[in-house]
N, C-alpha and C. Protein backbone atom coordinates (compact mmCIF):
# COMPACT_ATOMS: atom_id res chain seq x y z
N UNK A 1 0.85 -1.20 0.00
CA UNK A 1 0.00 0.00 0.00
C UNK A 1 0.88 1.25 0.00
N UNK A 2 0.42 2.27 -0.67
CA UNK A 2 1.15 3.55 -0.75
C UNK A 2 1.16 4.20 0.63
N UNK A 3 2.01 5.22 0.78
CA UNK A 3 2.07 5.97 2.03
C UNK A 3 0.70 6.55 2.34
N UNK A 4 0.43 6.72 3.62
CA UNK A 4 -0.87 7.24 4.05
C UNK A 4 -1.06 8.68 3.56
N UNK A 5 -2.27 8.95 3.15
CA UNK A 5 -2.63 10.28 2.66
C UNK A 5 -3.87 10.75 3.38
N UNK A 6 -4.02 12.04 3.50
CA UNK A 6 -5.24 12.65 4.04
C UNK A 6 -5.91 13.38 2.88
N UNK A 7 -7.13 13.00 2.57
CA UNK A 7 -7.85 13.59 1.44
C UNK A 7 -8.71 14.75 1.94
N UNK A 8 -8.45 15.93 1.41
CA UNK A 8 -9.24 17.12 1.71
C UNK A 8 -10.13 17.41 0.50
N UNK A 9 -11.42 17.59 0.75
CA UNK A 9 -12.37 17.88 -0.32
C UNK A 9 -12.99 19.24 -0.04
N UNK A 10 -12.52 20.29 -0.73
CA UNK A 10 -13.10 21.61 -0.49
C UNK A 10 -14.49 21.74 -1.12
N UNK A 11 -15.38 22.40 -0.38
CA UNK A 11 -16.75 22.60 -0.85
C UNK A 11 -17.14 24.04 -0.54
N UNK A 12 -17.43 24.79 -1.60
CA UNK A 12 -17.89 26.17 -1.41
C UNK A 12 -19.28 26.16 -0.81
N UNK A 13 -19.70 27.31 -0.33
CA UNK A 13 -21.06 27.43 0.22
C UNK A 13 -22.07 27.01 -0.85
N UNK A 14 -23.06 26.24 -0.44
CA UNK A 14 -24.04 25.73 -1.40
C UNK A 14 -24.89 26.84 -2.00
N UNK A 15 -25.09 27.94 -1.28
CA UNK A 15 -25.89 29.03 -1.85
C UNK A 15 -25.14 29.78 -2.94
N UNK A 16 -23.87 29.45 -3.12
CA UNK A 16 -23.05 30.06 -4.18
C UNK A 16 -22.47 28.99 -5.11
N UNK A 17 -23.02 27.78 -5.02
CA UNK A 17 -22.47 26.65 -5.78
C UNK A 17 -22.69 26.81 -7.28
N UNK A 18 -21.65 26.49 -8.02
CA UNK A 18 -21.73 26.39 -9.48
C UNK A 18 -22.39 27.60 -10.12
N UNK A 19 -21.91 28.78 -9.79
CA UNK A 19 -22.50 30.02 -10.30
C UNK A 19 -22.44 30.12 -11.82
N UNK A 20 -21.47 29.45 -12.45
CA UNK A 20 -21.39 29.51 -13.91
C UNK A 20 -22.51 28.71 -14.57
N UNK A 21 -23.28 27.98 -13.77
CA UNK A 21 -24.43 27.24 -14.32
C UNK A 21 -25.75 27.98 -14.08
N UNK A 22 -25.68 29.21 -13.60
CA UNK A 22 -26.89 29.96 -13.26
C UNK A 22 -27.83 30.16 -14.45
N UNK A 23 -27.30 30.17 -15.65
CA UNK A 23 -28.15 30.37 -16.83
C UNK A 23 -29.01 29.14 -17.13
N UNK A 24 -28.61 27.97 -16.60
CA UNK A 24 -29.34 26.74 -16.94
C UNK A 24 -29.92 26.01 -15.73
N UNK A 25 -29.48 26.39 -14.51
CA UNK A 25 -30.00 25.75 -13.31
C UNK A 25 -30.33 26.80 -12.26
N UNK A 26 -31.41 26.56 -11.51
CA UNK A 26 -31.75 27.46 -10.40
C UNK A 26 -30.74 27.26 -9.28
N UNK A 27 -30.76 28.15 -8.30
CA UNK A 27 -29.85 28.05 -7.15
C UNK A 27 -30.04 26.72 -6.42
N UNK A 28 -31.30 26.30 -6.24
CA UNK A 28 -31.57 25.02 -5.57
C UNK A 28 -31.05 23.85 -6.39
N UNK A 29 -31.23 23.92 -7.71
CA UNK A 29 -30.73 22.85 -8.58
C UNK A 29 -29.20 22.78 -8.54
N UNK A 30 -28.56 23.94 -8.51
CA UNK A 30 -27.09 23.95 -8.44
C UNK A 30 -26.60 23.37 -7.12
N UNK A 31 -27.26 23.72 -6.03
CA UNK A 31 -26.89 23.16 -4.72
C UNK A 31 -27.11 21.66 -4.71
N UNK A 32 -28.22 21.21 -5.28
CA UNK A 32 -28.50 19.77 -5.35
C UNK A 32 -27.46 19.04 -6.19
N UNK A 33 -27.09 19.63 -7.32
CA UNK A 33 -26.06 19.04 -8.18
C UNK A 33 -24.75 18.93 -7.41
N UNK A 34 -24.38 20.00 -6.71
CA UNK A 34 -23.12 20.00 -5.97
C UNK A 34 -23.11 18.91 -4.90
N UNK A 35 -24.21 18.74 -4.20
CA UNK A 35 -24.29 17.70 -3.17
C UNK A 35 -24.20 16.31 -3.79
N UNK A 36 -24.82 16.14 -4.94
CA UNK A 36 -24.75 14.84 -5.64
C UNK A 36 -23.32 14.55 -6.10
N UNK A 37 -22.65 15.55 -6.65
CA UNK A 37 -21.26 15.38 -7.07
C UNK A 37 -20.37 15.08 -5.88
N UNK A 38 -20.57 15.81 -4.78
CA UNK A 38 -19.80 15.59 -3.56
C UNK A 38 -19.97 14.15 -3.07
N UNK A 39 -21.19 13.67 -3.08
CA UNK A 39 -21.48 12.29 -2.63
C UNK A 39 -20.65 11.28 -3.43
N UNK A 40 -20.58 11.47 -4.74
CA UNK A 40 -19.82 10.55 -5.59
C UNK A 40 -18.32 10.63 -5.33
N UNK A 41 -17.82 11.85 -5.15
CA UNK A 41 -16.39 12.04 -4.88
C UNK A 41 -16.02 11.39 -3.55
N UNK A 42 -16.85 11.60 -2.53
CA UNK A 42 -16.56 11.01 -1.22
C UNK A 42 -16.62 9.49 -1.27
N UNK A 43 -17.56 8.94 -2.04
CA UNK A 43 -17.63 7.48 -2.18
C UNK A 43 -16.36 6.94 -2.83
N UNK A 44 -15.87 7.62 -3.87
CA UNK A 44 -14.63 7.19 -4.54
C UNK A 44 -13.45 7.30 -3.58
N UNK A 45 -13.40 8.38 -2.79
CA UNK A 45 -12.30 8.56 -1.84
C UNK A 45 -12.33 7.48 -0.76
N UNK A 46 -13.51 7.14 -0.28
CA UNK A 46 -13.62 6.06 0.71
C UNK A 46 -13.15 4.74 0.12
N UNK A 47 -13.59 4.45 -1.09
CA UNK A 47 -13.20 3.20 -1.75
C UNK A 47 -11.70 3.16 -2.02
N UNK A 48 -11.09 4.30 -2.32
CA UNK A 48 -9.65 4.35 -2.58
C UNK A 48 -8.86 3.94 -1.33
N UNK A 49 -9.40 4.26 -0.15
CA UNK A 49 -8.84 3.80 1.12
C UNK A 49 -7.37 4.18 1.27
N UNK A 50 -7.06 5.46 0.98
CA UNK A 50 -5.67 5.93 1.12
C UNK A 50 -5.43 6.61 2.46
N UNK A 51 -6.49 6.90 3.21
CA UNK A 51 -6.37 7.55 4.50
C UNK A 51 -7.63 8.32 4.84
N UNK A 52 -7.58 9.14 5.88
CA UNK A 52 -8.77 9.89 6.29
C UNK A 52 -9.23 10.89 5.24
N UNK A 53 -10.50 11.26 5.35
CA UNK A 53 -11.12 12.20 4.42
C UNK A 53 -11.75 13.32 5.25
N UNK A 54 -11.54 14.55 4.81
CA UNK A 54 -12.14 15.70 5.48
C UNK A 54 -12.71 16.64 4.44
N UNK A 55 -13.97 17.04 4.61
CA UNK A 55 -14.58 18.07 3.77
C UNK A 55 -14.19 19.42 4.37
N UNK A 56 -13.67 20.31 3.55
CA UNK A 56 -13.27 21.64 3.98
C UNK A 56 -14.34 22.61 3.50
N UNK A 57 -15.17 23.08 4.46
CA UNK A 57 -16.33 23.86 4.06
C UNK A 57 -16.93 24.62 5.24
N UNK A 58 -17.64 25.69 4.94
CA UNK A 58 -18.43 26.39 5.95
C UNK A 58 -19.77 25.69 6.16
N UNK A 59 -20.13 24.85 5.21
CA UNK A 59 -21.42 24.14 5.30
C UNK A 59 -21.41 23.16 6.47
N UNK A 60 -22.48 23.15 7.23
CA UNK A 60 -22.60 22.23 8.37
C UNK A 60 -23.13 20.90 7.87
N UNK A 61 -22.23 20.11 7.34
CA UNK A 61 -22.63 18.79 6.87
C UNK A 61 -21.50 17.82 7.13
N UNK A 62 -21.88 16.57 7.28
CA UNK A 62 -20.90 15.50 7.45
C UNK A 62 -21.45 14.29 6.70
N UNK A 63 -21.35 14.33 5.36
CA UNK A 63 -21.93 13.25 4.57
C UNK A 63 -21.30 11.90 4.90
N UNK A 64 -22.15 10.94 5.22
CA UNK A 64 -21.71 9.58 5.52
C UNK A 64 -20.63 9.55 6.59
N UNK A 65 -20.74 10.45 7.57
CA UNK A 65 -19.79 10.44 8.68
C UNK A 65 -18.42 11.00 8.37
N UNK A 66 -18.23 11.61 7.21
CA UNK A 66 -16.93 12.20 6.86
C UNK A 66 -16.71 13.44 7.73
N UNK A 67 -15.50 13.61 8.22
CA UNK A 67 -15.17 14.77 9.06
C UNK A 67 -15.30 16.06 8.26
N UNK A 68 -15.50 17.16 8.98
CA UNK A 68 -15.57 18.47 8.35
C UNK A 68 -14.60 19.41 9.05
N UNK A 69 -13.89 20.19 8.26
CA UNK A 69 -13.05 21.27 8.76
C UNK A 69 -13.73 22.56 8.38
N UNK A 70 -14.07 23.39 9.36
CA UNK A 70 -14.74 24.66 9.10
C UNK A 70 -13.76 25.61 8.42
N UNK A 71 -14.09 26.02 7.20
CA UNK A 71 -13.18 26.90 6.45
C UNK A 71 -13.17 28.33 6.98
N UNK A 72 -14.01 28.62 7.98
CA UNK A 72 -14.04 29.91 8.66
C UNK A 72 -14.21 31.09 7.71
N UNK A 73 -14.79 30.82 6.54
CA UNK A 73 -15.02 31.89 5.57
C UNK A 73 -13.77 32.32 4.83
N UNK A 74 -12.69 31.57 4.99
CA UNK A 74 -11.45 31.90 4.29
C UNK A 74 -11.60 31.62 2.79
N UNK A 75 -10.79 32.29 1.99
CA UNK A 75 -10.73 31.97 0.56
C UNK A 75 -10.30 30.51 0.43
N UNK A 76 -10.67 29.91 -0.69
CA UNK A 76 -10.49 28.47 -0.89
C UNK A 76 -9.06 28.01 -0.58
N UNK A 77 -8.07 28.62 -1.20
CA UNK A 77 -6.69 28.18 -1.02
C UNK A 77 -6.19 28.44 0.41
N UNK A 78 -6.64 29.52 1.03
CA UNK A 78 -6.28 29.80 2.42
C UNK A 78 -6.90 28.76 3.35
N UNK A 79 -8.13 28.37 3.08
CA UNK A 79 -8.80 27.35 3.90
C UNK A 79 -8.08 26.01 3.78
N UNK A 80 -7.63 25.68 2.57
CA UNK A 80 -6.89 24.43 2.39
C UNK A 80 -5.56 24.46 3.14
N UNK A 81 -4.88 25.60 3.11
CA UNK A 81 -3.62 25.73 3.85
C UNK A 81 -3.87 25.56 5.34
N UNK A 82 -4.94 26.14 5.85
CA UNK A 82 -5.27 26.00 7.27
C UNK A 82 -5.59 24.55 7.62
N UNK A 83 -6.37 23.89 6.77
CA UNK A 83 -6.70 22.48 7.02
C UNK A 83 -5.44 21.62 7.02
N UNK A 84 -4.52 21.89 6.10
CA UNK A 84 -3.27 21.11 6.07
C UNK A 84 -2.48 21.31 7.36
N UNK A 85 -2.44 22.54 7.86
CA UNK A 85 -1.71 22.82 9.10
C UNK A 85 -2.39 22.19 10.32
N UNK A 86 -3.72 22.22 10.32
CA UNK A 86 -4.45 21.88 11.54
C UNK A 86 -4.96 20.45 11.64
N UNK A 87 -5.18 19.77 10.51
CA UNK A 87 -5.75 18.41 10.62
C UNK A 87 -4.92 17.33 9.93
N UNK A 88 -4.07 17.67 9.00
CA UNK A 88 -3.33 16.64 8.28
C UNK A 88 -2.08 16.25 9.06
N UNK A 89 -2.00 14.98 9.42
CA UNK A 89 -0.81 14.45 10.09
C UNK A 89 -0.14 13.38 9.24
N UNK A 90 -0.78 12.99 8.16
CA UNK A 90 -0.24 11.97 7.26
C UNK A 90 0.87 12.58 6.41
N UNK A 91 1.75 11.74 5.84
CA UNK A 91 2.85 12.27 5.03
C UNK A 91 2.41 12.92 3.72
N UNK A 92 1.24 12.55 3.22
CA UNK A 92 0.74 13.09 1.95
C UNK A 92 -0.60 13.77 2.18
N UNK A 93 -0.76 14.96 1.59
CA UNK A 93 -2.04 15.66 1.59
C UNK A 93 -2.57 15.65 0.16
N UNK A 94 -3.81 15.23 0.01
CA UNK A 94 -4.48 15.24 -1.29
C UNK A 94 -5.61 16.26 -1.22
N UNK A 95 -5.71 17.10 -2.23
CA UNK A 95 -6.86 17.99 -2.36
C UNK A 95 -7.62 17.51 -3.59
N UNK A 96 -8.87 17.13 -3.38
CA UNK A 96 -9.68 16.53 -4.42
C UNK A 96 -10.94 17.37 -4.62
N UNK A 97 -11.11 17.94 -5.80
CA UNK A 97 -12.29 18.77 -6.08
C UNK A 97 -13.56 17.96 -5.86
N UNK A 98 -14.60 18.64 -5.43
CA UNK A 98 -15.87 17.98 -5.11
C UNK A 98 -16.76 17.80 -6.33
N UNK A 99 -16.32 18.28 -7.50
CA UNK A 99 -17.20 18.27 -8.68
C UNK A 99 -16.68 17.37 -9.79
N UNK A 100 -16.22 16.17 -9.43
CA UNK A 100 -15.64 15.23 -10.40
C UNK A 100 -16.56 14.02 -10.55
N UNK A 101 -17.51 14.07 -11.48
CA UNK A 101 -18.52 13.00 -11.56
C UNK A 101 -17.98 11.66 -12.05
N UNK A 102 -16.80 11.64 -12.64
CA UNK A 102 -16.27 10.40 -13.20
C UNK A 102 -15.06 9.87 -12.44
N UNK A 103 -14.73 10.48 -11.31
CA UNK A 103 -13.56 10.04 -10.56
C UNK A 103 -13.82 8.65 -9.96
N UNK A 104 -12.78 7.85 -9.94
CA UNK A 104 -12.88 6.51 -9.37
C UNK A 104 -11.83 6.35 -8.27
N UNK A 105 -12.00 5.31 -7.48
CA UNK A 105 -11.01 5.00 -6.45
C UNK A 105 -9.64 4.78 -7.08
N UNK A 106 -9.61 4.12 -8.22
CA UNK A 106 -8.35 3.89 -8.92
C UNK A 106 -7.67 5.18 -9.35
N UNK A 107 -8.47 6.17 -9.77
CA UNK A 107 -7.91 7.47 -10.14
C UNK A 107 -7.23 8.13 -8.94
N UNK A 108 -7.87 8.06 -7.80
CA UNK A 108 -7.32 8.67 -6.60
C UNK A 108 -6.04 7.95 -6.18
N UNK A 109 -6.05 6.63 -6.23
CA UNK A 109 -4.83 5.88 -5.91
C UNK A 109 -3.71 6.20 -6.89
N UNK A 110 -4.04 6.36 -8.18
CA UNK A 110 -3.04 6.73 -9.19
C UNK A 110 -2.40 8.07 -8.83
N UNK A 111 -3.21 9.04 -8.42
CA UNK A 111 -2.69 10.35 -8.04
C UNK A 111 -1.76 10.23 -6.83
N UNK A 112 -2.17 9.49 -5.82
CA UNK A 112 -1.35 9.33 -4.61
C UNK A 112 -0.03 8.63 -4.97
N UNK A 113 -0.12 7.58 -5.78
CA UNK A 113 1.08 6.83 -6.17
C UNK A 113 2.03 7.68 -7.00
N UNK A 114 1.51 8.69 -7.69
CA UNK A 114 2.35 9.57 -8.52
C UNK A 114 3.04 10.66 -7.70
N UNK A 115 2.69 10.76 -6.43
CA UNK A 115 3.26 11.81 -5.58
C UNK A 115 4.75 11.59 -5.39
N UNK A 116 5.58 12.56 -5.75
CA UNK A 116 7.02 12.41 -5.57
C UNK A 116 7.38 12.32 -4.08
N UNK A 117 8.60 11.85 -3.81
CA UNK A 117 9.06 11.78 -2.42
C UNK A 117 9.04 13.15 -1.76
N UNK A 118 9.35 14.18 -2.53
CA UNK A 118 9.22 15.57 -2.08
C UNK A 118 8.70 16.35 -3.27
N UNK A 119 7.41 16.61 -3.26
CA UNK A 119 6.84 17.35 -4.37
C UNK A 119 5.35 17.17 -4.50
N UNK A 120 4.87 17.41 -5.71
CA UNK A 120 3.43 17.48 -5.95
C UNK A 120 3.05 16.76 -7.24
N UNK A 121 1.99 15.95 -7.15
CA UNK A 121 1.35 15.39 -8.33
C UNK A 121 0.12 16.27 -8.60
N UNK A 122 -0.05 16.67 -9.85
CA UNK A 122 -1.08 17.63 -10.22
C UNK A 122 -2.01 17.00 -11.25
N UNK A 123 -3.29 16.84 -10.88
CA UNK A 123 -4.29 16.31 -11.80
C UNK A 123 -4.82 17.46 -12.64
N UNK A 124 -4.43 17.45 -13.90
CA UNK A 124 -4.79 18.55 -14.81
C UNK A 124 -6.22 18.39 -15.30
N UNK A 125 -6.97 19.47 -15.25
CA UNK A 125 -8.33 19.51 -15.78
C UNK A 125 -8.27 19.66 -17.30
N UNK A 126 -9.37 19.36 -17.96
CA UNK A 126 -9.43 19.46 -19.42
C UNK A 126 -9.13 20.88 -19.90
N UNK A 127 -9.45 21.88 -19.08
CA UNK A 127 -9.22 23.28 -19.48
C UNK A 127 -7.86 23.82 -19.03
N UNK A 128 -6.98 22.94 -18.52
CA UNK A 128 -5.67 23.38 -18.06
C UNK A 128 -5.64 23.80 -16.60
N UNK A 129 -6.80 23.78 -15.97
CA UNK A 129 -6.87 24.06 -14.54
C UNK A 129 -6.41 22.84 -13.75
N UNK A 130 -6.73 22.84 -12.47
CA UNK A 130 -6.34 21.74 -11.59
C UNK A 130 -7.58 21.22 -10.88
N UNK A 131 -7.77 19.90 -10.93
CA UNK A 131 -8.89 19.29 -10.22
C UNK A 131 -8.47 18.55 -8.96
N UNK A 132 -7.18 18.28 -8.82
CA UNK A 132 -6.68 17.62 -7.62
C UNK A 132 -5.17 17.78 -7.57
N UNK A 133 -4.64 17.77 -6.36
CA UNK A 133 -3.19 17.72 -6.16
C UNK A 133 -2.93 16.73 -5.04
N UNK A 134 -1.73 16.19 -5.05
CA UNK A 134 -1.27 15.32 -3.98
C UNK A 134 0.16 15.74 -3.68
N UNK A 135 0.43 16.12 -2.43
CA UNK A 135 1.78 16.64 -2.14
C UNK A 135 2.38 15.98 -0.90
N UNK A 136 3.69 15.90 -0.97
CA UNK A 136 4.47 15.40 0.15
C UNK A 136 5.67 16.30 0.30
N UNK A 137 5.89 16.89 1.45
CA UNK A 137 5.04 16.84 2.64
C UNK A 137 3.79 17.71 2.49
N UNK A 138 2.83 17.45 3.36
CA UNK A 138 1.59 18.22 3.35
C UNK A 138 1.90 19.70 3.55
N UNK A 139 1.28 20.53 2.75
CA UNK A 139 1.47 21.98 2.88
C UNK A 139 2.76 22.50 2.30
N UNK A 140 3.50 21.65 1.59
CA UNK A 140 4.79 22.07 1.03
C UNK A 140 4.65 23.19 0.01
N UNK A 141 3.51 23.23 -0.65
CA UNK A 141 3.25 24.24 -1.68
C UNK A 141 1.86 24.82 -1.43
N UNK A 142 1.73 26.12 -1.53
CA UNK A 142 0.42 26.75 -1.44
C UNK A 142 -0.36 26.39 -2.70
N UNK A 143 -1.62 26.01 -2.53
CA UNK A 143 -2.42 25.66 -3.71
C UNK A 143 -2.89 26.91 -4.43
N UNK A 144 -3.21 26.71 -5.71
CA UNK A 144 -3.60 27.82 -6.58
C UNK A 144 -4.88 27.49 -7.34
N UNK A 145 -5.81 26.79 -6.67
CA UNK A 145 -7.07 26.45 -7.32
C UNK A 145 -7.81 27.72 -7.71
N UNK A 146 -8.44 27.69 -8.87
CA UNK A 146 -9.22 28.83 -9.34
C UNK A 146 -8.46 29.82 -10.18
N UNK A 147 -7.13 29.70 -10.22
CA UNK A 147 -6.35 30.61 -11.06
C UNK A 147 -6.34 30.07 -12.50
N UNK A 148 -6.27 30.94 -13.50
CA UNK A 148 -6.19 30.48 -14.88
C UNK A 148 -4.96 29.57 -15.08
N UNK A 149 -5.15 28.50 -15.83
CA UNK A 149 -4.07 27.54 -16.13
C UNK A 149 -3.37 27.10 -14.84
N UNK A 150 -4.15 26.78 -13.84
CA UNK A 150 -3.58 26.50 -12.52
C UNK A 150 -2.70 25.25 -12.48
N UNK A 151 -2.87 24.31 -13.41
CA UNK A 151 -1.96 23.16 -13.42
C UNK A 151 -0.52 23.62 -13.65
N UNK A 152 -0.34 24.53 -14.59
CA UNK A 152 1.00 25.08 -14.84
C UNK A 152 1.47 25.94 -13.67
N UNK A 153 0.55 26.67 -13.05
CA UNK A 153 0.90 27.50 -11.89
C UNK A 153 1.35 26.60 -10.74
N UNK A 154 0.63 25.50 -10.50
CA UNK A 154 1.03 24.56 -9.45
C UNK A 154 2.42 23.97 -9.74
N UNK A 155 2.65 23.59 -10.99
CA UNK A 155 3.96 23.02 -11.35
C UNK A 155 5.07 24.03 -11.12
N UNK A 156 4.83 25.27 -11.49
CA UNK A 156 5.81 26.33 -11.29
C UNK A 156 6.05 26.59 -9.81
N UNK A 157 4.99 26.60 -9.00
CA UNK A 157 5.12 26.83 -7.56
C UNK A 157 5.93 25.72 -6.91
N UNK A 158 5.71 24.48 -7.34
CA UNK A 158 6.49 23.36 -6.79
C UNK A 158 7.95 23.53 -7.16
N UNK A 159 8.22 23.84 -8.42
CA UNK A 159 9.61 24.03 -8.86
C UNK A 159 10.27 25.17 -8.11
N UNK A 160 9.54 26.28 -7.91
CA UNK A 160 10.08 27.42 -7.17
C UNK A 160 10.44 27.05 -5.73
N UNK A 161 9.73 26.06 -5.17
CA UNK A 161 10.00 25.60 -3.81
C UNK A 161 11.08 24.51 -3.78
N UNK A 162 11.65 24.22 -4.96
CA UNK A 162 12.68 23.20 -5.03
C UNK A 162 12.13 21.78 -4.97
N UNK A 163 10.88 21.62 -5.35
CA UNK A 163 10.21 20.33 -5.29
C UNK A 163 9.91 19.81 -6.70
N UNK A 164 9.70 18.50 -6.78
CA UNK A 164 9.36 17.86 -8.05
C UNK A 164 7.87 18.07 -8.32
N UNK A 165 7.52 18.33 -9.56
CA UNK A 165 6.11 18.43 -9.97
C UNK A 165 5.85 17.41 -11.05
N UNK A 166 4.76 16.65 -10.90
CA UNK A 166 4.34 15.68 -11.91
C UNK A 166 2.92 16.00 -12.33
N UNK A 167 2.72 16.17 -13.62
CA UNK A 167 1.37 16.35 -14.15
C UNK A 167 0.77 14.96 -14.35
N UNK A 168 -0.46 14.78 -13.87
CA UNK A 168 -1.16 13.51 -13.99
C UNK A 168 -2.41 13.76 -14.84
N UNK A 169 -2.45 13.14 -15.99
CA UNK A 169 -3.61 13.26 -16.87
C UNK A 169 -4.42 11.97 -16.82
N UNK A 170 -5.47 11.98 -16.01
CA UNK A 170 -6.35 10.83 -15.82
C UNK A 170 -7.77 11.29 -16.13
N UNK A 171 -8.48 10.63 -17.05
CA UNK A 171 -9.81 11.12 -17.44
C UNK A 171 -10.76 11.39 -16.27
N UNK A 172 -10.79 10.51 -15.28
CA UNK A 172 -11.71 10.70 -14.15
C UNK A 172 -11.37 11.90 -13.29
N UNK A 173 -10.12 12.31 -13.33
CA UNK A 173 -9.70 13.50 -12.58
C UNK A 173 -9.71 14.76 -13.46
N UNK A 174 -9.80 14.58 -14.77
CA UNK A 174 -9.73 15.72 -15.70
C UNK A 174 -11.08 16.38 -15.95
N UNK A 175 -12.17 15.60 -15.84
CA UNK A 175 -13.49 16.14 -16.18
C UNK A 175 -14.21 16.63 -14.93
N UNK A 176 -14.52 17.92 -14.91
CA UNK A 176 -15.31 18.50 -13.83
C UNK A 176 -16.52 19.19 -14.44
N UNK A 177 -17.45 19.60 -13.60
CA UNK A 177 -18.68 20.22 -14.08
C UNK A 177 -18.68 21.68 -13.66
N UNK A 178 -18.30 22.55 -14.60
CA UNK A 178 -18.25 23.98 -14.32
C UNK A 178 -19.15 24.80 -15.24
N UNK A 179 -19.32 24.34 -16.47
CA UNK A 179 -20.03 25.14 -17.48
C UNK A 179 -21.27 24.40 -17.98
N UNK A 180 -22.17 25.11 -18.65
CA UNK A 180 -23.32 24.43 -19.25
C UNK A 180 -22.91 23.29 -20.20
N UNK A 181 -21.81 23.47 -20.94
CA UNK A 181 -21.34 22.39 -21.83
C UNK A 181 -20.91 21.16 -21.03
N UNK A 182 -20.25 21.38 -19.89
CA UNK A 182 -19.86 20.26 -19.02
C UNK A 182 -21.10 19.52 -18.53
N UNK A 183 -22.11 20.28 -18.13
CA UNK A 183 -23.34 19.68 -17.63
C UNK A 183 -24.02 18.86 -18.72
N UNK A 184 -24.04 19.40 -19.94
CA UNK A 184 -24.61 18.67 -21.07
C UNK A 184 -23.84 17.38 -21.31
N UNK A 185 -22.52 17.44 -21.28
CA UNK A 185 -21.72 16.23 -21.49
C UNK A 185 -21.99 15.21 -20.38
N UNK A 186 -22.13 15.66 -19.16
CA UNK A 186 -22.42 14.77 -18.04
C UNK A 186 -23.76 14.08 -18.24
N UNK A 187 -24.77 14.87 -18.60
CA UNK A 187 -26.11 14.29 -18.79
C UNK A 187 -26.17 13.35 -19.98
N UNK A 188 -25.49 13.70 -21.07
CA UNK A 188 -25.47 12.82 -22.25
C UNK A 188 -24.73 11.53 -21.95
N UNK A 189 -23.67 11.62 -21.16
CA UNK A 189 -22.89 10.43 -20.79
C UNK A 189 -23.65 9.49 -19.88
N UNK A 190 -24.64 10.02 -19.15
CA UNK A 190 -25.41 9.21 -18.21
C UNK A 190 -26.53 8.45 -18.90
N UNK A 191 -26.80 8.78 -20.16
CA UNK A 191 -27.91 8.13 -20.87
C UNK A 191 -27.49 6.82 -21.49
């Protein structure tokens, strides 16, 4: 078995979930979609069995008994840094986006196994963003989720810290649901 990892799953406030889908889904529908996506991601993380799982969110929820770290209203990357400092004791910290409808336990294990001895494995999104990272040691690099071309930004940040960066292109980690086109692809794929 690979080294123990702590999986952090950041979740924005549900009343602000998936704002780029506002043209095609109501606020309640977007919140429902986000909860459904989160449920699938947590199930895959549990099945991957790489270590503990914590949802990083202001939302008062603990789906299926998963621990929650209160993000205290911090910006996403700041909340992840705080969670790494305060709850991660494992040698590897994984940040796994909550909106990955096709992620599997095998995808998560692949990401963890790709983690360098000192550095970061970066799951590149289809748009060049980042859908997950796995780093050793935990907190070695500040995350840059939400920045344009964040996969390249993460790789550069790791290199600047003197750490190894590995880009991981895995379909289940690459596809997220952010835009109406993503939602259409998700729905067509489910038929």
